[in-house]
Amino acid sequence: MKRLLPFLFLPFTLLFVAGCGQRETDVQRATRDGILLISTGAEPRDLDPHVVTGLPEHKVIKSILQGLVSDHPTSSNYVEPGVATHWEHAEGYREWTFFLRDNARWSNGDPVTAEDFLFAFQRILNPLFAAPYASMLYIIDGAEAFHMGELTDFAGVGVHAPDPHTLHFRLTAAAPYFPLMLTHYTYFPVHRPTLERFNAVANRGTGWTRPANFVGNGPFRLTEWLPNQRISVERNPYYWDAENVHLNGIRFFPIEDSQAEYRAFHAGQLHVTNSLPFNRRDRYRASGLAIMQENPYFATSYLGINTNRPHLQSRLVRQALGAALDTGRIIDQVTKNGRPAAGFVPPGIEGYPVRTELFFDPERARRLLAEAGHPNGQGLAEIEIVIPHTDTSRTVAEVVQEMWRRELGVRARVSTKEWQVLLAELDNYNFDVFMLGWIGDYMDPRTFLKIMRTGDGNNRTGFANREFDALIARSDAAETPAERFALLSEAEEILMYEMPIIPMNWTNNLFLLHPDVHGWAPKPLDDVPYKHLRLIASE
């Protein structure tokens, strides 16, 4: 999901300098060589931008592919030119034209053209391909109809290339934020000859994303993928702005356990971690050490409920489970991060009414469960909570388990899954409740609410509500930002009433950053463009 958040440790060997008694760490050598060492938090499921939905995949894909625009180095509310040098809008932000640079190249030297984008859009919207993130393109006129099979000719979709260096979009509604959407990998181009060679146009898992085969257009090119060990990229000499890429390469390490990640950082094996263990957060805050980064995050941690399960179909049961959770206590005593979430959409959007009423009310929770026919949990089947393989998730899930037992008499068990296994379980609805987080795709409340529409590829709860869907659709056609936000807020009220998800907390982005890394700005989407980073040896 941009982005589902998980919370393999590769044991690195410290390097020793021959002929002297001092040892050189991986970070010291990597800084000297211009190689960034960063944790992805888990092993990426794939590097196909039309298949993935998670943050581990996002971190790598952003280095090897680029869309029409690029992430701004310091703000999540602005973009920079990418493959497009500039763009224009008309008809009240419903028509957009992007002008592609003539020196954009794929990593094999082929030119990047508007047709590459059209090919990518048609592939992700192909109904047979069943891309989980296809709905990200629904703002394009005709895209949803094509994806649903109601429109069979892609020429009827509102995106056209009048020439190799011009791309024109016709949208379903006014979207001043459209360039922000284009930073997401669902809008990135793919190299058609490579996909055709590996029969990947309508098929998954054909091997086109392996290092020997992958052809990208980003600032780096893929050189190595050792599963559960590391992914390596190096500077792409064909990238249009290669002279302004300061890193020589990046190594991504899938360290899923935050304690192991912490040890790797302090052993000189990482420049950047994915997280910080919850039991060390207060200590770092008190120390004032600059290596700890605590930045605003446009993200929400939540429990997702499989509404297709017979024992979880009742809204009353779901509301009871939500009202029994003291998320403030979980934050104060366990996660040490953020604040209790009163809704799915986190703060950070000017003009959007952020929910303030918290759910915790154990007496109400017991009344609701009794009204659902399960007083003191009687007759309610045991609930399985599936979580990613991290120490924080395990601890929080066990606290949830105990709160449900103590307040409601509800039995629950916790099942830990590796990232790829967990995603497969969610895809197949093989769970009762999952614990994950969602980061916005761009700075807009719609990036949270849209994933809960009926049948959305990122709606793993099975939630389906016609009124909710209608409000999202109406918001897309709203004439003013105020009207649009009012409709989205009304949709969120329905979501929180039906409660297919239980928001836990609005998080901060907590991680460790080595002082050798320069140019890493605190951004609420954590969308730092690698091309702007520098490595300079610290004292």
Protein backbone atom coordinates (compact mmCIF):
# COMPACT_ATOMS: atom_id res chain seq x y z
CA MET A 1 0.00 0.00 0.00
CA LYS A 2 2.12 3.27 -0.99
CA ARG A 3 1.65 2.14 1.22
CA LEU A 4 1.26 -0.65 3.73
CA LEU A 5 3.77 -0.39 6.56
CA PRO A 6 5.46 -3.42 8.14
CA PHE A 7 7.39 -2.60 11.20
CA LEU A 8 15.66 -10.53 7.92
CA PHE A 9 18.35 -9.45 9.54
CA LEU A 10 21.42 -9.79 7.38
CA PRO A 11 24.43 -10.31 9.62
CA PHE A 12 27.08 -8.01 8.22
CA THR A 13 30.76 -8.61 8.76
CA LEU A 14 32.78 -5.69 10.00
CA LEU A 15 35.68 -4.92 7.75
CA PHE A 16 39.18 -4.57 9.09
CA VAL A 17 41.83 -2.37 7.55
CA ALA A 18 44.80 -4.52 6.70
CA GLY A 19 48.02 -3.76 8.56
CA CYS A 20 46.58 -1.67 11.39
CA GLY A 21 44.76 -2.20 14.65
CA GLN A 22 41.72 -0.12 13.71
CA ARG A 23 38.63 -1.51 12.10
CA GLU A 24 36.66 0.19 9.38
CA THR A 25 32.89 -0.12 9.53
CA ASP A 26 30.64 -0.72 6.56
CA VAL A 27 29.30 2.81 6.93
CA GLN A 28 32.74 4.39 6.87
CA ARG A 29 33.71 2.56 3.73
CA ALA A 30 30.32 3.15 2.11
CA THR A 31 30.46 6.88 2.85
CA ARG A 32 33.89 7.03 1.23
CA ASP A 33 32.53 5.17 -1.81
CA GLY A 34 29.31 7.19 -2.00
CA ILE A 35 27.05 4.21 -1.25
CA LEU A 36 24.00 4.77 0.96
CA LEU A 37 23.14 1.85 3.30
CA ILE A 38 19.45 1.83 4.19
CA SER A 39 16.93 -0.58 5.68
CA THR A 40 13.68 -1.30 3.85
CA GLY A 41 12.07 -2.83 6.94
CA ALA A 42 11.20 -6.07 5.08
CA GLU A 43 11.99 -8.03 1.94
CA PRO A 44 10.23 -6.40 -1.05
CA ARG A 45 7.51 -8.56 -2.54
CA ASP A 46 8.40 -7.49 -6.09
CA LEU A 47 9.76 -4.48 -7.98
CA ASP A 48 6.95 -4.40 -10.52
CA PRO A 49 5.26 -1.01 -9.94
CA HIS A 50 1.91 -2.44 -11.04
CA VAL A 51 1.95 -5.30 -8.52
CA VAL A 52 3.30 -3.88 -5.26
CA THR A 53 1.53 -1.89 -2.56
CA GLY A 54 4.01 -1.65 0.31
CA LEU A 55 6.62 0.69 1.71
CA PRO A 56 9.58 -1.74 1.35
CA GLU A 57 8.92 -1.96 -2.38
CA HIS A 58 8.30 1.77 -2.67
CA LYS A 59 11.72 2.58 -1.22
CA VAL A 60 13.52 0.64 -3.95
CA ILE A 61 11.28 1.45 -6.91
CA LYS A 62 11.72 5.18 -6.35
CA SER A 63 15.43 4.77 -7.05
CA ILE A 64 15.13 2.90 -10.35
CA LEU A 65 12.02 4.41 -11.97
CA GLN A 66 10.78 7.97 -12.36
CA GLY A 67 7.49 9.48 -13.47
CA LEU A 68 6.55 12.71 -15.15
CA VAL A 69 7.36 14.62 -11.97
CA SER A 70 9.82 14.06 -9.13
CA ASP A 71 9.57 14.41 -5.37
CA HIS A 72 10.53 17.80 -4.03
CA PRO A 73 13.64 17.60 -1.81
CA THR A 74 12.09 19.41 1.19
CA SER A 75 8.27 19.49 0.82
CA SER A 76 5.55 16.89 0.27
CA ASN A 77 3.23 19.62 -1.02
CA TYR A 78 5.27 20.43 -4.13
CA VAL A 79 6.90 18.54 -6.98
CA GLU A 80 9.87 19.03 -9.27
CA PRO A 81 10.22 18.20 -12.98
CA GLY A 82 10.92 14.57 -13.73
CA VAL A 83 10.60 13.10 -17.20
CA ALA A 84 8.45 16.15 -17.93
CA THR A 85 10.16 19.53 -18.07
CA HIS A 86 6.94 21.46 -17.46
CA TRP A 87 3.15 21.15 -17.62
CA GLU A 88 -0.02 23.16 -18.13
CA HIS A 89 -3.61 22.87 -16.95
CA ALA A 90 -6.90 24.10 -18.37
CA GLU A 91 -10.67 23.73 -17.94
CA GLY A 92 -10.47 24.35 -14.20
CA TYR A 93 -7.73 21.76 -13.58
CA ARG A 94 -9.57 19.07 -15.56
CA GLU A 95 -7.19 19.09 -18.52
CA TRP A 96 -3.44 18.63 -18.06
CA THR A 97 -0.64 18.58 -20.63
CA PHE A 98 2.88 17.42 -19.80
CA PHE A 99 5.87 18.10 -22.01
CA LEU A 100 8.55 15.41 -21.89
CA ARG A 101 12.25 16.18 -22.10
CA ASP A 102 14.03 14.90 -25.20
CA ASN A 103 17.06 13.65 -23.24
CA ALA A 104 15.16 11.21 -21.00
CA ARG A 105 16.60 7.71 -21.42
CA TRP A 106 16.06 4.20 -20.16
CA SER A 107 18.99 2.53 -18.43
CA ASN A 108 19.83 0.72 -21.70
CA GLY A 109 19.96 4.00 -23.64
CA ASP A 110 16.51 3.81 -25.27
CA PRO A 111 14.56 7.10 -25.31
CA VAL A 112 11.70 7.52 -22.84
CA THR A 113 8.60 8.64 -24.72
CA ALA A 114 4.97 9.42 -24.04
CA GLU A 115 4.08 6.02 -25.48
CA ASP A 116 5.94 4.35 -22.59
CA PHE A 117 3.54 6.03 -20.18
CA LEU A 118 0.49 5.05 -22.24
CA PHE A 119 1.69 1.46 -22.31
CA ALA A 120 2.16 1.47 -18.53
CA PHE A 121 -1.28 2.98 -17.91
CA GLN A 122 -2.98 0.45 -20.15
CA ARG A 123 -1.18 -2.40 -18.39
CA ILE A 124 -2.12 -1.36 -14.84
CA LEU A 125 -5.73 -0.80 -15.92
CA ASN A 126 -5.98 -4.12 -17.77
CA PRO A 127 -8.88 -5.94 -16.04
CA LEU A 128 -7.13 -9.29 -16.47
CA PHE A 129 -3.97 -8.05 -14.77
CA ALA A 130 -5.93 -7.16 -11.62
CA ALA A 131 -3.45 -4.59 -10.32
CA PRO A 132 -4.25 -3.78 -6.67
CA TYR A 133 -3.47 -0.08 -7.13
CA ALA A 134 -5.32 0.46 -10.43
CA SER A 135 -7.84 2.71 -8.71
CA MET A 136 -5.09 5.31 -8.28
CA LEU A 137 -5.68 6.13 -11.98
CA TYR A 138 -9.47 6.40 -11.73
CA ILE A 139 -9.23 10.18 -11.75
CA ILE A 140 -8.43 9.85 -15.47
CA ASP A 141 -11.63 9.98 -17.52
CA GLY A 142 -12.65 6.47 -18.60
CA ALA A 143 -9.96 4.72 -16.53
CA GLU A 144 -12.39 3.09 -14.12
CA ALA A 145 -14.69 1.98 -16.94
CA PHE A 146 -11.74 0.40 -18.77
CA HIS A 147 -10.53 -1.32 -15.60
CA MET A 148 -14.03 -2.65 -14.92
CA GLY A 149 -14.31 -3.99 -18.48
CA GLU A 150 -17.13 -1.59 -19.36
CA LEU A 151 -14.89 0.17 -21.88
CA THR A 152 -12.89 -2.17 -24.10
CA ASP A 153 -10.96 0.29 -26.26
CA PHE A 154 -8.14 2.03 -24.36
CA ALA A 155 -8.36 4.89 -26.85
CA GLY A 156 -11.49 5.93 -24.96
CA VAL A 157 -9.49 6.56 -21.78
CA GLY A 158 -8.65 10.20 -21.20
CA VAL A 159 -4.90 10.08 -21.76
CA HIS A 160 -3.31 10.58 -25.17
CA ALA A 161 0.08 11.21 -26.75
CA PRO A 162 -0.19 13.59 -29.72
CA ASP A 163 3.57 13.19 -30.22
CA PRO A 164 6.46 11.32 -28.51
CA HIS A 165 7.11 14.20 -26.11
CA THR A 166 3.61 15.30 -25.16
CA LEU A 167 1.12 13.62 -22.85
CA HIS A 168 -2.40 14.96 -22.39
CA PHE A 169 -4.79 13.97 -19.58
CA ARG A 170 -8.52 14.53 -19.34
CA LEU A 171 -9.69 14.07 -15.75
CA THR A 172 -13.09 13.25 -14.27
CA ALA A 173 -13.02 16.32 -12.04
CA ALA A 174 -11.00 19.37 -11.13
CA ALA A 175 -7.74 18.20 -9.52
CA PRO A 176 -5.26 20.94 -8.65
CA TYR A 177 -3.33 18.24 -6.77
CA PHE A 178 -2.88 16.03 -9.85
CA PRO A 179 0.91 16.57 -10.10
CA LEU A 180 1.23 15.29 -6.52
CA MET A 181 -0.48 12.07 -7.57
CA LEU A 182 2.07 11.58 -10.32
CA THR A 183 4.87 11.05 -7.79
CA HIS A 184 3.32 7.65 -7.03
CA TYR A 185 4.84 4.63 -8.76
CA THR A 186 1.50 3.61 -10.29
CA TYR A 187 2.05 6.50 -12.73
CA PHE A 188 5.61 5.51 -13.62
CA PRO A 189 6.48 4.21 -17.11
CA VAL A 190 7.72 0.68 -17.79
CA HIS A 191 10.01 -0.47 -20.61
CA ARG A 192 7.74 -2.14 -23.14
CA PRO A 193 10.38 -4.20 -25.04
CA THR A 194 11.52 -5.77 -21.75
CA LEU A 195 8.01 -6.66 -20.63
CA GLU A 196 7.18 -8.11 -24.04
CA ARG A 197 10.41 -10.10 -24.05
CA PHE A 198 9.51 -11.70 -20.70
CA ASN A 199 5.80 -12.10 -21.45
CA ALA A 200 5.02 -9.70 -18.60
CA VAL A 201 2.52 -7.41 -20.30
CA ALA A 202 -0.43 -9.24 -18.72
CA ASN A 203 1.41 -11.65 -16.43
CA ARG A 204 3.12 -11.41 -13.06
CA GLY A 205 6.30 -12.97 -11.75
CA THR A 206 7.95 -13.52 -15.13
CA GLY A 207 11.41 -12.39 -14.08
CA TRP A 208 11.55 -9.02 -15.84
CA THR A 209 12.35 -7.31 -12.53
CA ARG A 210 15.50 -9.33 -11.89
CA PRO A 211 18.78 -7.37 -12.07
CA ALA A 212 19.97 -8.91 -15.34
CA ASN A 213 16.66 -8.01 -17.01
CA PHE A 214 15.37 -4.82 -15.42
CA VAL A 215 15.40 -1.66 -17.52
CA GLY A 216 14.46 1.48 -15.61
CA ASN A 217 14.60 5.23 -16.10
CA GLY A 218 15.40 6.41 -12.57
CA PRO A 219 18.58 8.00 -11.20
CA PHE A 220 19.91 4.52 -10.37
CA ARG A 221 19.85 1.15 -12.08
CA LEU A 222 19.31 -2.26 -10.50
CA THR A 223 22.48 -4.35 -10.21
CA GLU A 224 21.86 -6.96 -7.49
CA TRP A 225 19.00 -8.67 -5.69
CA LEU A 226 19.93 -11.32 -3.17
CA PRO A 227 16.60 -12.34 -1.58
CA ASN A 228 16.47 -11.70 2.16
CA GLN A 229 19.96 -10.18 2.03
CA ARG A 230 20.18 -7.00 -0.01
CA ILE A 231 19.23 -5.11 -3.15
CA SER A 232 21.87 -2.94 -4.79
CA VAL A 233 21.54 -0.10 -7.27
CA GLU A 234 24.21 2.07 -8.88
CA ARG A 235 24.15 5.47 -10.53
CA ASN A 236 22.41 5.31 -13.92
CA PRO A 237 24.66 6.98 -16.53
CA TYR A 238 21.69 7.38 -18.92
CA TYR A 239 19.55 9.27 -16.40
CA TRP A 240 18.70 12.72 -17.77
CA ASP A 241 20.08 14.48 -14.67
CA ALA A 242 22.93 12.10 -13.89
CA GLU A 243 25.42 14.90 -13.27
CA ASN A 244 23.34 16.06 -10.30
CA VAL A 245 23.01 12.62 -8.69
CA HIS A 246 25.46 12.74 -5.80
CA LEU A 247 25.35 9.11 -4.62
CA ASN A 248 27.20 6.39 -6.51
CA GLY A 249 24.75 3.77 -5.34
CA ILE A 250 22.41 2.47 -2.65
CA ARG A 251 22.19 -0.85 -0.81
CA PHE A 252 18.80 -1.75 0.59
CA PHE A 253 18.71 -4.26 3.46
CA PRO A 254 15.49 -6.08 4.49
CA ILE A 255 15.87 -5.87 8.28
CA GLU A 256 12.44 -6.69 9.62
CA ASP A 257 13.25 -6.70 13.33
CA SER A 258 13.74 -3.22 14.77
CA GLN A 259 16.07 -4.44 17.52
CA ALA A 260 18.34 -6.11 14.96
CA GLU A 261 18.14 -2.97 12.83
CA TYR A 262 19.14 -0.87 15.85
CA ARG A 263 22.16 -3.09 16.50
CA ALA A 264 23.17 -2.91 12.85
CA PHE A 265 23.07 0.89 12.93
CA HIS A 266 25.25 1.10 16.04
CA ALA A 267 27.64 -1.49 14.63
CA GLY A 268 28.29 0.81 11.68
CA GLN A 269 26.30 -1.22 9.16
CA LEU A 270 23.52 1.24 8.23
CA HIS A 271 23.21 4.91 7.41
CA VAL A 272 19.41 4.92 7.78
CA THR A 273 17.06 2.65 9.71
CA ASN A 274 13.40 2.01 8.98
CA SER A 275 12.33 2.51 12.59
CA LEU A 276 13.49 2.78 16.19
CA PRO A 277 12.67 0.13 18.83
CA PHE A 278 9.85 1.30 21.07
CA ASN A 279 11.85 0.55 24.25
CA ARG A 280 14.58 3.02 23.25
CA ARG A 281 12.48 5.97 22.12
CA ASP A 282 12.18 7.84 25.42
CA ARG A 283 15.88 7.37 26.10
CA TYR A 284 16.80 8.94 22.77
CA ARG A 285 14.40 11.83 23.32
CA ALA A 286 15.97 12.52 26.71
CA SER A 287 19.49 12.34 25.29
CA GLY A 288 18.80 14.85 22.55
CA LEU A 289 21.01 12.89 20.15
CA ALA A 290 20.65 14.26 16.64
CA ILE A 291 20.82 10.81 15.07
CA MET A 292 17.23 10.17 16.16
CA GLN A 293 14.74 11.62 13.70
CA GLU A 294 11.18 12.19 14.91
CA ASN A 295 9.25 13.78 12.09
CA PRO A 296 5.56 14.39 11.37
CA TYR A 297 4.08 11.51 9.39
CA PHE A 298 0.98 11.53 7.21
CA ALA A 299 0.21 8.04 8.44
CA THR A 300 -2.22 6.05 10.59
CA SER A 301 -1.65 2.74 12.36
CA TYR A 302 -4.82 0.66 12.48
CA LEU A 303 -6.47 -2.73 12.85
CA GLY A 304 -8.23 -4.02 9.75
CA ILE A 305 -11.21 -6.33 10.28
CA ASN A 306 -12.28 -9.01 7.81
CA THR A 307 -15.98 -8.15 7.53
CA ASN A 308 -16.56 -11.36 5.55
CA ARG A 309 -15.91 -13.49 8.65
CA PRO A 310 -19.27 -14.56 10.18
CA HIS A 311 -18.28 -13.58 13.72
CA LEU A 312 -17.09 -10.13 12.57
CA GLN A 313 -19.92 -9.21 10.18
CA SER A 314 -21.85 -7.38 12.88
CA ARG A 315 -21.12 -3.67 13.10
CA LEU A 316 -21.88 -3.92 16.83
CA VAL A 317 -19.09 -6.43 17.35
CA ARG A 318 -16.63 -4.26 15.45
CA GLN A 319 -17.67 -1.16 17.39
CA ALA A 320 -17.26 -3.07 20.65
CA LEU A 321 -13.75 -4.15 19.71
CA GLY A 322 -12.85 -0.55 18.94
CA ALA A 323 -14.39 0.89 22.12
CA ALA A 324 -12.51 -1.63 24.28
CA LEU A 325 -9.08 -0.42 23.19
CA ASP A 326 -7.31 2.20 25.28
CA THR A 327 -5.01 3.43 22.53
CA GLY A 328 -3.70 6.23 24.74
CA ARG A 329 -2.37 3.67 27.19
CA ILE A 330 -0.84 1.64 24.35
CA ILE A 331 1.01 4.74 23.17
CA ASP A 332 2.12 5.83 26.64
CA GLN A 333 3.28 2.42 27.80
CA VAL A 334 4.31 0.63 24.61
CA THR A 335 4.83 2.42 21.31
CA LYS A 336 5.94 5.80 22.71
CA ASN A 337 4.97 7.34 19.40
CA GLY A 338 2.30 9.73 18.14
CA ARG A 339 -1.15 10.20 19.64
CA PRO A 340 -4.43 8.26 19.69
CA ALA A 341 -6.21 8.33 16.35
CA ALA A 342 -9.80 9.54 16.31
CA GLY A 343 -10.20 8.75 12.61
CA PHE A 344 -8.53 7.24 9.62
CA VAL A 345 -7.33 10.50 8.05
CA PRO A 346 -4.42 11.96 10.07
CA PRO A 347 -3.91 15.67 10.74
CA GLY A 348 -1.89 17.71 8.29
CA ILE A 349 -4.36 18.85 5.62
CA GLU A 350 -5.38 22.47 5.94
CA GLY A 351 -9.14 22.84 5.71
CA TYR A 352 -10.01 19.20 6.38
CA PRO A 353 -11.95 18.67 9.67
CA VAL A 354 -9.89 16.25 11.72
CA ARG A 355 -11.91 13.96 13.99
CA THR A 356 -11.31 14.47 17.71
CA GLU A 357 -13.65 12.07 19.54
CA LEU A 358 -11.79 8.95 20.66
CA PHE A 359 -13.40 5.51 20.67
CA PHE A 360 -12.33 4.15 24.08
CA ASP A 361 -15.35 3.50 26.30
CA PRO A 362 -15.26 0.05 27.94
CA GLU A 363 -18.79 0.26 29.36
CA ARG A 364 -20.19 1.09 25.93
CA ALA A 365 -18.05 -1.70 24.45
CA ARG A 366 -19.67 -4.23 26.79
CA ARG A 367 -23.18 -2.96 25.98
CA LEU A 368 -22.50 -3.19 22.25
CA LEU A 369 -21.18 -6.73 22.48
CA ALA A 370 -24.17 -7.81 24.57
CA GLU A 371 -26.51 -6.18 22.06
CA ALA A 372 -24.77 -8.19 19.34
CA GLY A 373 -25.68 -11.35 21.25
CA HIS A 374 -22.32 -12.00 22.91
CA PRO A 375 -22.46 -10.84 26.54
CA ASN A 376 -19.02 -11.25 28.11
CA GLY A 377 -17.81 -12.64 24.80
CA GLN A 378 -20.06 -15.70 24.98
CA GLY A 379 -20.49 -17.48 21.67
CA LEU A 380 -18.02 -15.27 19.82
CA ALA A 381 -15.37 -17.27 17.98
CA GLU A 382 -11.72 -16.70 18.80
CA ILE A 383 -10.19 -13.83 16.82
CA GLU A 384 -6.84 -14.27 15.08
CA ILE A 385 -4.72 -11.10 14.84
CA VAL A 386 -2.13 -11.38 12.07
CA ILE A 387 0.85 -9.06 12.31
CA PRO A 388 4.19 -8.43 10.58
CA HIS A 389 7.31 -9.95 12.11
CA THR A 390 8.40 -7.03 14.32
CA ASP A 391 8.86 -6.72 18.05
CA THR A 392 6.65 -3.62 18.26
CA SER A 393 3.77 -5.29 16.43
CA ARG A 394 4.00 -8.36 18.65
CA THR A 395 3.93 -6.30 21.86
CA VAL A 396 1.05 -4.09 20.72
CA ALA A 397 -0.97 -7.08 19.50
CA GLU A 398 -0.55 -8.81 22.85
CA VAL A 399 -1.80 -5.69 24.64
CA VAL A 400 -4.82 -5.61 22.30
CA GLN A 401 -5.38 -9.29 23.00
CA GLU A 402 -5.36 -8.64 26.76
CA MET A 403 -7.65 -5.58 26.56
CA TRP A 404 -10.23 -7.54 24.59
CA ARG A 405 -10.04 -10.38 27.12
CA ARG A 406 -10.26 -8.12 30.17
CA GLU A 407 -12.92 -5.70 28.95
CA LEU A 408 -15.07 -7.98 26.78
CA GLY A 409 -14.21 -11.58 27.56
CA VAL A 410 -13.21 -11.97 23.90
CA ARG A 411 -10.60 -14.59 23.08
CA ALA A 412 -7.85 -13.67 20.60
CA ARG A 413 -4.58 -15.14 19.44
CA VAL A 414 -1.64 -13.46 17.70
CA SER A 415 -0.04 -14.87 14.54
CA THR A 416 3.24 -13.41 13.28
CA LYS A 417 3.91 -13.48 9.53
CA GLU A 418 6.81 -12.45 7.34
CA TRP A 419 5.96 -9.49 5.12
CA GLN A 420 5.38 -11.37 1.87
CA VAL A 421 3.39 -14.10 3.61
CA LEU A 422 1.29 -11.50 5.40
CA LEU A 423 0.44 -9.73 2.15
CA ALA A 424 -0.59 -13.04 0.58
CA GLU A 425 -2.85 -13.76 3.55
CA LEU A 426 -4.46 -10.34 3.21
CA ASP A 427 -4.92 -10.76 -0.55
CA ASN A 428 -6.76 -14.03 0.08
CA TYR A 429 -8.77 -12.72 3.06
CA ASN A 430 -7.23 -15.47 5.15
CA PHE A 431 -7.38 -13.60 8.45
CA ASP A 432 -9.73 -12.16 11.07
CA VAL A 433 -7.88 -8.97 12.01
CA PHE A 434 -4.61 -7.49 10.75
CA MET A 435 -2.40 -4.80 12.25
CA LEU A 436 -0.64 -2.44 9.85
CA GLY A 437 -0.27 1.22 8.95
CA TRP A 438 -1.11 3.35 5.93
CA ILE A 439 0.90 6.29 4.60
CA GLY A 440 -0.79 8.72 2.27
CA ASP A 441 0.14 8.52 -1.39
CA TYR A 442 0.07 12.31 -1.53
CA MET A 443 -1.06 15.07 0.83
CA ASP A 444 -4.82 14.67 0.59
CA PRO A 445 -7.50 12.92 2.72
CA ARG A 446 -8.71 11.01 -0.32
CA THR A 447 -5.55 8.88 -0.28
CA PHE A 448 -6.85 7.23 2.90
CA LEU A 449 -10.57 7.07 2.25
CA LYS A 450 -10.42 5.84 -1.34
CA ILE A 451 -8.85 2.53 -0.32
CA MET A 452 -12.02 1.63 1.59
CA ARG A 453 -14.27 1.76 -1.47
CA THR A 454 -16.06 -1.40 -2.50
CA GLY A 455 -13.67 -3.70 -4.35
CA ASP A 456 -10.63 -1.41 -4.13
CA GLY A 457 -7.41 -3.41 -4.48
CA ASN A 458 -6.15 -2.04 -1.16
CA ASN A 459 -9.41 -2.65 0.71
CA ARG A 460 -8.46 -5.85 2.51
CA THR A 461 -11.44 -5.70 4.89
CA GLY A 462 -14.23 -6.59 2.46
CA PHE A 463 -16.06 -3.43 3.54
CA ALA A 464 -18.76 -2.40 1.04
CA ASN A 465 -21.06 0.56 1.59
CA ARG A 466 -22.96 2.24 -1.24
CA GLU A 467 -23.39 5.53 0.62
CA PHE A 468 -19.67 5.69 1.39
CA ASP A 469 -18.80 4.95 -2.25
CA ALA A 470 -21.24 7.59 -3.47
CA LEU A 471 -19.74 10.26 -1.23
CA ILE A 472 -16.24 9.51 -2.52
CA ALA A 473 -17.55 9.74 -6.10
CA ARG A 474 -19.34 13.01 -5.35
CA SER A 475 -16.20 14.45 -3.77
CA ASP A 476 -14.31 13.76 -7.00
CA ALA A 477 -16.79 15.97 -8.85
CA ALA A 478 -16.94 18.73 -6.22
CA GLU A 479 -16.57 22.28 -7.51
CA THR A 480 -14.70 23.71 -4.52
CA PRO A 481 -12.15 22.39 -2.00
CA ALA A 482 -14.55 23.15 0.87
CA GLU A 483 -17.34 21.10 -0.73
CA ARG A 484 -14.92 18.30 -1.50
CA PHE A 485 -13.59 18.13 2.06
CA ALA A 486 -17.12 18.18 3.49
CA LEU A 487 -18.08 15.15 1.38
CA LEU A 488 -14.90 13.29 2.31
CA SER A 489 -15.46 14.05 5.98
CA GLU A 490 -19.00 12.68 5.74
CA ALA A 491 -17.61 9.53 4.16
CA GLU A 492 -15.12 9.19 7.01
CA GLU A 493 -17.98 9.43 9.53
CA ILE A 494 -19.64 6.44 7.85
CA LEU A 495 -16.37 4.53 7.91
CA MET A 496 -15.89 5.15 11.62
CA TYR A 497 -19.50 4.18 12.35
CA GLU A 498 -19.30 0.90 10.42
CA MET A 499 -15.77 0.35 11.75
CA PRO A 500 -14.20 -2.14 9.31
CA ILE A 501 -10.99 -0.58 10.60
CA ILE A 502 -10.01 0.51 14.10
CA PRO A 503 -7.60 3.46 13.97
CA MET A 504 -4.92 3.08 16.64
CA ASN A 505 -2.61 6.07 16.44
CA TRP A 506 -1.44 8.93 14.29
CA THR A 507 2.23 8.21 14.21
CA ASN A 508 5.45 10.12 13.92
CA ASN A 509 8.24 8.85 11.70
CA LEU A 510 10.91 7.61 14.10
CA PHE A 511 14.22 6.33 12.76
CA LEU A 512 17.98 6.72 13.07
CA LEU A 513 19.98 8.79 10.58
CA HIS A 514 23.77 8.73 10.44
CA PRO A 515 25.45 12.17 10.49
CA ASP A 516 27.25 11.29 7.24
CA VAL A 517 23.92 11.65 5.39
CA HIS A 518 23.16 15.17 4.16
CA GLY A 519 19.98 16.38 2.46
CA TRP A 520 17.47 14.12 4.25
CA ALA A 521 14.59 16.52 4.99
CA PRO A 522 11.71 15.82 7.42
CA LYS A 523 8.79 15.19 5.07
CA PRO A 524 5.36 13.89 6.19
CA LEU A 525 5.29 11.31 3.36
CA ASP A 526 8.92 10.26 3.93
CA ASP A 527 9.34 10.77 0.19
CA VAL A 528 12.96 11.89 0.22
CA PRO A 529 14.43 11.81 -3.33
CA TYR A 530 17.70 9.91 -3.28
CA LYS A 531 19.21 12.00 -6.07
CA HIS A 532 19.55 14.98 -3.71
CA LEU A 533 21.35 13.10 -0.92
CA ARG A 534 25.08 13.41 -0.23
CA LEU A 535 27.43 11.39 1.93
CA ILE A 536 30.12 13.38 3.74
CA ALA A 537 32.29 11.74 6.37
CA SER A 538 31.54 13.16 9.81
CA GLU A 539 34.17 13.89 12.44
